[in-house]
């Protein structure tokens, strides 16, 4: 029985020591972390910003998102500034383009701050553009020390998906009247009719009209529009 008391005593001592060390760490200088705030269903992936067909039609080239930042230990007695930057995601060559404010202010008396950032719409459709959001500790304006290693960055994904869907990935494209789907074909239709797929009445009338309009586009000197195949071919609207 004495042996068990000794083991419990050692455990309590170690736990107390860890807590004291944490408090010393927190009290040395203010530290901040990213707090997991994923909208992808997977905290490891981080934040996802999506662009779709309506964004293309309305010429939305950028969107604003935000990331949650928390302070470790005690709340601040006076506001301090922190800065953000990006770090390359080594899993891809498609880097997300992200723009931040020159600095963000973490208010006194609170434990959470939201930092807004702007992402640019990707050039390619159907691809995941990635970057890691990190604290810019080398920036002279940044007034916090580094926090926990595992919380020093937040993934940022940006995607541009044109193909019209409804609900959970239910594709709407009517190949009978419009032929095989491609991003180039859909862009031509949006550019021509100034509306998205859900606003079309897809029938024989549209089939004949869009085919005629593409022929007129070509006759006027327009460059052939290619499809999305591995070996691209010119788009075709069915007869």
Protein backbone atom coordinates (compact mmCIF):
# COMPACT_ATOMS: atom_id res chain seq x y z
CA UNK A 1 0.00 0.00 0.00
CA UNK A 2 2.87 2.35 0.85
CA UNK A 3 4.28 1.78 -2.62
CA UNK A 4 1.02 2.97 -4.22
CA UNK A 5 1.01 6.14 -2.13
CA UNK A 6 4.56 6.86 -3.26
CA UNK A 7 3.59 6.42 -6.94
CA UNK A 8 0.55 8.67 -6.57
CA UNK A 9 2.65 11.26 -4.78
CA UNK A 10 5.24 11.30 -7.58
CA UNK A 11 2.48 11.66 -10.20
CA UNK A 12 0.89 14.61 -8.37
CA UNK A 13 4.30 16.24 -7.99
CA UNK A 14 5.00 15.89 -11.73
CA UNK A 15 1.58 17.23 -12.64
CA UNK A 16 2.05 20.20 -10.34
CA UNK A 17 5.49 20.82 -11.82
CA UNK A 18 4.07 20.78 -15.36
CA UNK A 19 1.32 23.22 -14.43
CA UNK A 20 3.85 25.53 -12.78
CA UNK A 21 6.07 25.35 -15.84
CA UNK A 22 3.09 26.19 -18.08
CA UNK A 23 2.25 29.21 -15.94
CA UNK A 24 5.87 30.33 -16.02
CA UNK A 25 5.79 29.94 -19.81
CA UNK A 26 2.58 31.95 -20.09
CA UNK A 27 3.81 34.61 -17.69
CA UNK A 28 7.15 35.14 -19.41
CA UNK A 29 5.63 36.98 -22.39
CA UNK A 30 2.29 36.84 -24.24
CA UNK A 31 1.86 33.94 -26.66
CA UNK A 32 -0.85 33.15 -29.21
CA UNK A 33 -1.99 30.11 -31.17
CA UNK A 34 -4.34 29.30 -33.99
CA UNK A 35 -7.36 27.44 -32.71
CA UNK A 36 -8.73 24.64 -34.89
CA UNK A 37 -11.61 26.18 -36.82
CA UNK A 38 -12.00 24.06 -39.94
CA UNK A 39 -14.97 24.22 -42.28
CA UNK A 40 -13.86 21.14 -44.20
CA UNK A 41 -14.76 18.49 -41.62
CA UNK A 42 -11.05 17.79 -41.13
CA UNK A 43 -9.06 20.00 -38.75
CA UNK A 44 -5.83 19.03 -40.50
CA UNK A 45 -7.02 20.66 -43.73
CA UNK A 46 -7.91 23.96 -42.10
CA UNK A 47 -9.94 26.67 -43.83
CA UNK A 48 -11.49 26.17 -47.28
CA UNK A 49 -12.58 29.08 -49.48
CA UNK A 50 -14.54 28.14 -52.60
CA UNK A 51 -15.32 30.00 -55.80
CA UNK A 52 -18.13 28.75 -58.06
CA UNK A 53 -19.96 29.51 -61.31
CA UNK A 54 -21.85 32.48 -59.83
CA UNK A 55 -18.52 34.01 -58.76
CA UNK A 56 -17.18 33.61 -62.32
CA UNK A 57 -20.30 35.20 -63.80
CA UNK A 58 -20.18 38.11 -61.35
CA UNK A 59 -16.41 38.53 -61.78
CA UNK A 60 -15.66 37.84 -58.12
CA UNK A 61 -11.87 37.62 -58.11
CA UNK A 62 -11.29 37.64 -54.34
CA UNK A 63 -13.02 36.53 -51.15
CA UNK A 64 -12.52 37.26 -47.47
CA UNK A 65 -12.24 34.55 -44.82
CA UNK A 66 -11.06 34.61 -41.20
CA UNK A 67 -9.02 32.54 -38.80
CA UNK A 68 -9.44 32.18 -35.03
CA UNK A 69 -6.49 33.20 -32.82
CA UNK A 70 -6.42 32.51 -29.07
CA UNK A 71 -4.14 33.75 -26.32
CA UNK A 72 -2.36 31.34 -24.00
CA UNK A 73 -2.72 31.93 -20.28
CA UNK A 74 -3.99 35.25 -18.97
CA UNK A 75 -5.83 37.89 -20.99
CA UNK A 76 -3.85 40.98 -21.97
CA UNK A 77 -3.85 44.09 -19.82
CA UNK A 78 -3.35 46.26 -22.91
CA UNK A 79 -3.79 45.56 -26.65
CA UNK A 80 -0.91 44.06 -28.65
CA UNK A 81 -0.35 43.63 -32.37
CA UNK A 82 0.23 40.40 -34.25
CA UNK A 83 1.09 39.75 -37.90
CA UNK A 84 0.35 36.90 -40.30
CA UNK A 85 2.06 35.57 -43.40
CA UNK A 86 2.02 32.37 -45.46
CA UNK A 87 4.28 29.35 -45.57
CA UNK A 88 4.46 27.10 -48.61
CA UNK A 89 2.50 23.86 -48.43
CA UNK A 90 5.01 21.22 -49.50
CA UNK A 91 2.31 18.77 -50.66
CA UNK A 92 1.51 20.77 -53.81
CA UNK A 93 2.97 23.18 -56.36
CA UNK A 94 -0.33 25.07 -56.50
CA UNK A 95 0.12 27.80 -53.93
CA UNK A 96 -2.87 29.79 -52.67
CA UNK A 97 -2.51 33.56 -53.01
CA UNK A 98 -3.37 35.15 -49.67
CA UNK A 99 -3.28 38.78 -48.57
CA UNK A 100 -3.31 39.99 -44.94
CA UNK A 101 -3.70 43.26 -43.10
CA UNK A 102 -0.38 44.87 -42.18
CA UNK A 103 -1.13 43.97 -38.56
CA UNK A 104 -3.98 42.76 -36.35
CA UNK A 105 -4.78 43.98 -32.85
CA UNK A 106 -5.46 41.49 -30.06
CA UNK A 107 -7.69 43.44 -27.61
CA UNK A 108 -7.14 43.52 -23.86
CA UNK A 109 -9.37 41.47 -21.59
CA UNK A 110 -10.39 38.82 -24.14
CA UNK A 111 -9.09 35.38 -25.12
CA UNK A 112 -10.10 35.25 -28.81
CA UNK A 113 -9.29 37.38 -31.85
CA UNK A 114 -10.50 36.89 -35.44
CA UNK A 115 -8.08 37.77 -38.24
CA UNK A 116 -9.58 38.41 -41.67
CA UNK A 117 -7.58 37.66 -44.80
CA UNK A 118 -8.23 37.80 -48.54
CA UNK A 119 -7.72 34.96 -51.02
CA UNK A 120 -7.48 35.24 -54.80
CA UNK A 121 -9.57 33.08 -57.12
CA UNK A 122 -7.39 30.32 -58.60
CA UNK A 123 -6.66 30.18 -62.32
CA UNK A 124 -7.39 26.47 -62.72
CA UNK A 125 -10.75 24.86 -61.98
CA UNK A 126 -11.12 21.66 -59.98
CA UNK A 127 -7.75 21.98 -58.22
CA UNK A 128 -6.87 22.61 -54.57
CA UNK A 129 -4.56 25.56 -54.05
CA UNK A 130 -2.89 25.47 -50.65
CA UNK A 131 -0.85 27.52 -48.20
CA UNK A 132 -0.20 27.52 -44.48
CA UNK A 133 -1.18 30.57 -42.46
CA UNK A 134 1.53 31.30 -39.87
CA UNK A 135 2.43 34.06 -37.44
CA UNK A 136 4.99 36.44 -38.91
CA UNK A 137 7.34 36.36 -35.93
CA UNK A 138 10.10 38.09 -37.94
CA UNK A 139 7.93 41.13 -38.52
CA UNK A 140 8.98 43.96 -36.14
CA UNK A 141 5.30 44.80 -35.60
CA UNK A 142 4.54 41.32 -34.20
CA UNK A 143 4.43 41.56 -30.39
CA UNK A 144 3.85 37.95 -29.34
CA UNK A 145 6.15 35.01 -28.70
CA UNK A 146 5.55 31.68 -30.44
CA UNK A 147 2.90 29.38 -29.00
CA UNK A 148 2.57 25.61 -29.11
CA UNK A 149 4.37 23.97 -32.04
CA UNK A 150 1.29 22.03 -33.13
CA UNK A 151 -0.83 25.21 -33.27
CA UNK A 152 1.53 27.61 -34.98
CA UNK A 153 -0.05 27.23 -38.41
CA UNK A 154 -3.45 26.81 -40.03
CA UNK A 155 -4.03 25.22 -43.43
CA UNK A 156 -5.62 27.38 -46.13
CA UNK A 157 -7.28 25.77 -49.16
CA UNK A 158 -8.75 27.66 -52.10
CA UNK A 159 -10.77 25.99 -54.86
CA UNK A 160 -12.52 27.16 -58.03
CA UNK A 161 -15.23 24.67 -59.02
CA UNK A 162 -17.37 25.59 -62.01
CA UNK A 163 -19.35 22.43 -62.78
CA UNK A 164 -22.91 23.00 -61.57
CA UNK A 165 -24.04 20.72 -58.75
CA UNK A 166 -27.01 20.52 -56.46
CA UNK A 167 -26.95 19.23 -52.91
CA UNK A 168 -24.04 16.90 -52.19
CA UNK A 169 -22.20 16.61 -55.50
CA UNK A 170 -25.30 15.82 -57.60
CA UNK A 171 -24.26 16.92 -61.09
CA UNK A 172 -26.86 18.84 -63.08
CA UNK A 173 -25.31 19.00 -66.55
CA UNK A 174 -27.61 17.72 -69.31
CA UNK A 175 -25.33 15.99 -71.83
CA UNK A 176 -28.26 15.08 -74.10
CA UNK A 177 -28.81 18.70 -75.13
CA UNK A 178 -25.40 20.21 -74.41
CA UNK A 179 -22.90 17.43 -75.04
CA UNK A 180 -19.98 16.52 -72.79
CA UNK A 181 -19.33 18.95 -69.97
CA UNK A 182 -16.19 21.08 -69.93
CA UNK A 183 -15.27 24.22 -68.03
CA UNK A 184 -14.55 26.04 -71.30
CA UNK A 185 -17.98 25.16 -72.70
CA UNK A 186 -19.74 26.31 -69.56
CA UNK A 187 -17.75 29.56 -69.45
CA UNK A 188 -18.79 30.22 -73.07
CA UNK A 189 -22.43 29.72 -72.12
CA UNK A 190 -22.18 32.02 -69.10
CA UNK A 191 -20.32 34.67 -71.10
CA UNK A 192 -22.92 34.47 -73.86
CA UNK A 193 -26.16 34.33 -71.86
CA UNK A 194 -25.04 36.08 -68.64
CA UNK A 195 -26.52 33.46 -66.33
CA UNK A 196 -25.60 30.28 -64.51
CA UNK A 197 -26.76 26.78 -65.32
CA UNK A 198 -29.59 26.75 -62.79
CA UNK A 199 -31.16 29.72 -64.61
CA UNK A 200 -31.24 27.98 -68.00
CA UNK A 201 -34.17 26.09 -69.44
CA UNK A 202 -32.24 23.20 -70.92
CA UNK A 203 -34.18 21.94 -73.95
CA UNK A 204 -33.97 21.64 -77.72
CA UNK A 205 -34.37 25.39 -78.14
CA UNK A 206 -31.29 26.08 -76.04
CA UNK A 207 -29.38 23.29 -77.78
CA UNK A 208 -29.95 24.84 -81.22
CA UNK A 209 -29.38 28.41 -80.05
CA UNK A 210 -26.09 27.77 -78.23
CA UNK A 211 -24.78 25.75 -81.19
CA UNK A 212 -25.59 28.66 -83.51
CA UNK A 213 -23.99 31.18 -81.17
CA UNK A 214 -20.78 29.13 -80.95
CA UNK A 215 -20.66 28.93 -84.76
CA UNK A 216 -21.10 32.72 -84.94
CA UNK A 217 -18.33 33.16 -82.34
CA UNK A 218 -15.97 31.07 -84.49
CA UNK A 219 -17.01 32.84 -87.68
CA UNK A 220 -16.19 36.16 -86.01
CA UNK A 221 -12.61 35.08 -85.40
CA UNK A 222 -13.00 33.58 -81.93
CA UNK A 223 -10.35 31.03 -80.95
CA UNK A 224 -11.50 27.40 -80.60
CA UNK A 225 -12.55 26.55 -77.05
CA UNK A 226 -10.99 23.33 -75.80
CA UNK A 227 -12.47 20.72 -73.48
CA UNK A 228 -11.03 19.27 -70.26
CA UNK A 229 -9.70 15.96 -71.57
CA UNK A 230 -6.09 14.91 -71.04
CA UNK A 231 -5.58 15.53 -74.76
CA UNK A 232 -7.87 18.54 -75.26
CA UNK A 233 -10.21 18.72 -78.23
CA UNK A 234 -12.47 21.51 -79.38
CA UNK A 235 -15.85 21.61 -77.65
CA UNK A 236 -18.88 20.34 -79.56
CA UNK A 237 -22.55 21.19 -79.13
CA UNK A 238 -24.76 18.34 -80.37
CA UNK A 239 -26.97 18.59 -83.45
